[in-house]
Amino acid sequence: MDVIAEIRRRFHVDKEIITSLSSTFNLSRPTSVNISRRLKSLFISVKTTPIRSWALFTSS
């Protein structure tokens, strides 16, 4: 579980590329492709998800 957190931190905060992460953690190519897809999909979904329940936070 610590490896996943470390990969996410290095990718998003340190802007390290997937190939560099793969070689650092000795990951195979299929694993690095899966990680790349997952990281990019999570990043896109977080940025594009609209807030639907904004009315709950407004005072009446």
C-alpha atoms as a PDB file:
ATOM      1  CA  MET A   1       0.000   0.000   0.000  1.00  0.00           C
ATOM      2  CA  ASP A   2       2.909   2.338   0.642  1.00  0.00           C
ATOM      3  CA  VAL A   3       4.185   1.800  -2.895  1.00  0.00           C
ATOM      4  CA  ILE A   4       0.903   3.004  -4.399  1.00  0.00           C
ATOM      5  CA  ALA A   5       0.990   6.179  -2.324  1.00  0.00           C
ATOM      6  CA  GLU A   6       4.618   6.761  -3.260  1.00  0.00           C
ATOM      7  CA  ILE A   7       3.877   6.316  -6.974  1.00  0.00           C
ATOM      8  CA  ARG A   8       0.932   8.717  -6.829  1.00  0.00           C
ATOM      9  CA  ARG A   9       2.974  11.316  -4.922  1.00  0.00           C
ATOM     10  CA  ARG A  10       5.915  11.124  -7.308  1.00  0.00           C
ATOM     11  CA  PHE A  11       3.642  11.322 -10.355  1.00  0.00           C
ATOM     12  CA  HIS A  12       1.453  14.232  -9.231  1.00  0.00           C
ATOM     13  CA  VAL A  13       3.707  16.234  -6.928  1.00  0.00           C
ATOM     14  CA  ASP A  14       7.202  15.588  -8.252  1.00  0.00           C
ATOM     15  CA  LYS A  15       6.008  15.336 -11.883  1.00  0.00           C
ATOM     16  CA  GLU A  16       8.038  12.161 -12.415  1.00  0.00           C
ATOM     17  CA  ILE A  17       7.241  10.250 -15.602  1.00  0.00           C
ATOM     18  CA  ILE A  18       5.835   6.720 -15.678  1.00  0.00           C
ATOM     19  CA  THR A  19       8.931   5.153 -17.242  1.00  0.00           C
ATOM     20  CA  SER A  20      11.110   6.522 -14.485  1.00  0.00           C
ATOM     21  CA  LEU A  21       8.712   5.205 -11.850  1.00  0.00           C
ATOM     22  CA  SER A  22       8.667   1.801 -13.532  1.00  0.00           C
ATOM     23  CA  SER A  23      12.411   1.495 -13.431  1.00  0.00           C
ATOM     24  CA  THR A  24      12.613   2.746  -9.839  1.00  0.00           C
ATOM     25  CA  PHE A  25      10.074   0.222  -8.549  1.00  0.00           C
ATOM     26  CA  ASN A  26      11.139  -2.582 -10.965  1.00  0.00           C
ATOM     27  CA  LEU A  27       7.705  -2.817 -12.577  1.00  0.00           C
ATOM     28  CA  SER A  28       6.975  -4.757 -15.748  1.00  0.00           C
ATOM     29  CA  ARG A  29       5.715  -2.992 -18.853  1.00  0.00           C
ATOM     30  CA  PRO A  30       2.086  -4.221 -18.547  1.00  0.00           C
ATOM     31  CA  THR A  31       2.007  -3.082 -14.933  1.00  0.00           C
ATOM     32  CA  SER A  32       3.373   0.346 -15.808  1.00  0.00           C
ATOM     33  CA  VAL A  33       0.783   0.715 -18.589  1.00  0.00           C
ATOM     34  CA  ASN A  34      -2.003  -0.123 -16.131  1.00  0.00           C
ATOM     35  CA  ILE A  35      -0.629   2.338 -13.585  1.00  0.00           C
ATOM     36  CA  SER A  36      -0.402   5.028 -16.257  1.00  0.00           C
ATOM     37  CA  ARG A  37      -4.014   4.519 -17.292  1.00  0.00           C
ATOM     38  CA  ARG A  38      -5.215   4.521 -13.701  1.00  0.00           C
ATOM     39  CA  LEU A  39      -3.297   7.645 -12.685  1.00  0.00           C
ATOM     40  CA  LYS A  40      -4.514   9.606 -15.689  1.00  0.00           C
ATOM     41  CA  SER A  41      -8.124   8.471 -15.331  1.00  0.00           C
ATOM     42  CA  LEU A  42      -8.197   9.390 -11.637  1.00  0.00           C
ATOM     43  CA  PHE A  43      -6.722  12.804 -12.361  1.00  0.00           C
ATOM     44  CA  ILE A  44      -9.213  13.524 -15.140  1.00  0.00           C
ATOM     45  CA  SER A  45     -12.237  12.306 -13.169  1.00  0.00           C
ATOM     46  CA  VAL A  46     -11.358  14.455 -10.157  1.00  0.00           C
ATOM     47  CA  LYS A  47     -10.885  17.580 -12.270  1.00  0.00           C
ATOM     48  CA  THR A  48     -14.031  17.182 -14.403  1.00  0.00           C
ATOM     49  CA  THR A  49     -16.572  15.936 -11.863  1.00  0.00           C
ATOM     50  CA  PRO A  50     -19.122  18.706 -11.232  1.00  0.00           C
ATOM     51  CA  ILE A  51     -20.454  19.406  -7.771  1.00  0.00           C
ATOM     52  CA  ARG A  52     -24.097  18.406  -7.884  1.00  0.00           C
ATOM     53  CA  SER A  53     -25.115  19.053  -4.316  1.00  0.00           C
ATOM     54  CA  TRP A  54     -23.989  22.673  -4.003  1.00  0.00           C
ATOM     55  CA  ALA A  55     -27.431  23.649  -2.646  1.00  0.00           C
ATOM     56  CA  LEU A  56     -26.742  21.621   0.491  1.00  0.00           C
ATOM     57  CA  PHE A  57     -23.929  23.963   1.459  1.00  0.00           C
ATOM     58  CA  THR A  58     -25.719  27.246   1.005  1.00  0.00           C
ATOM     59  CA  SER A  59     -27.540  28.792   3.920  1.00  0.00           C
ATOM     60  CA  SER A  60     -31.249  29.438   3.558  1.00  0.00           C
END
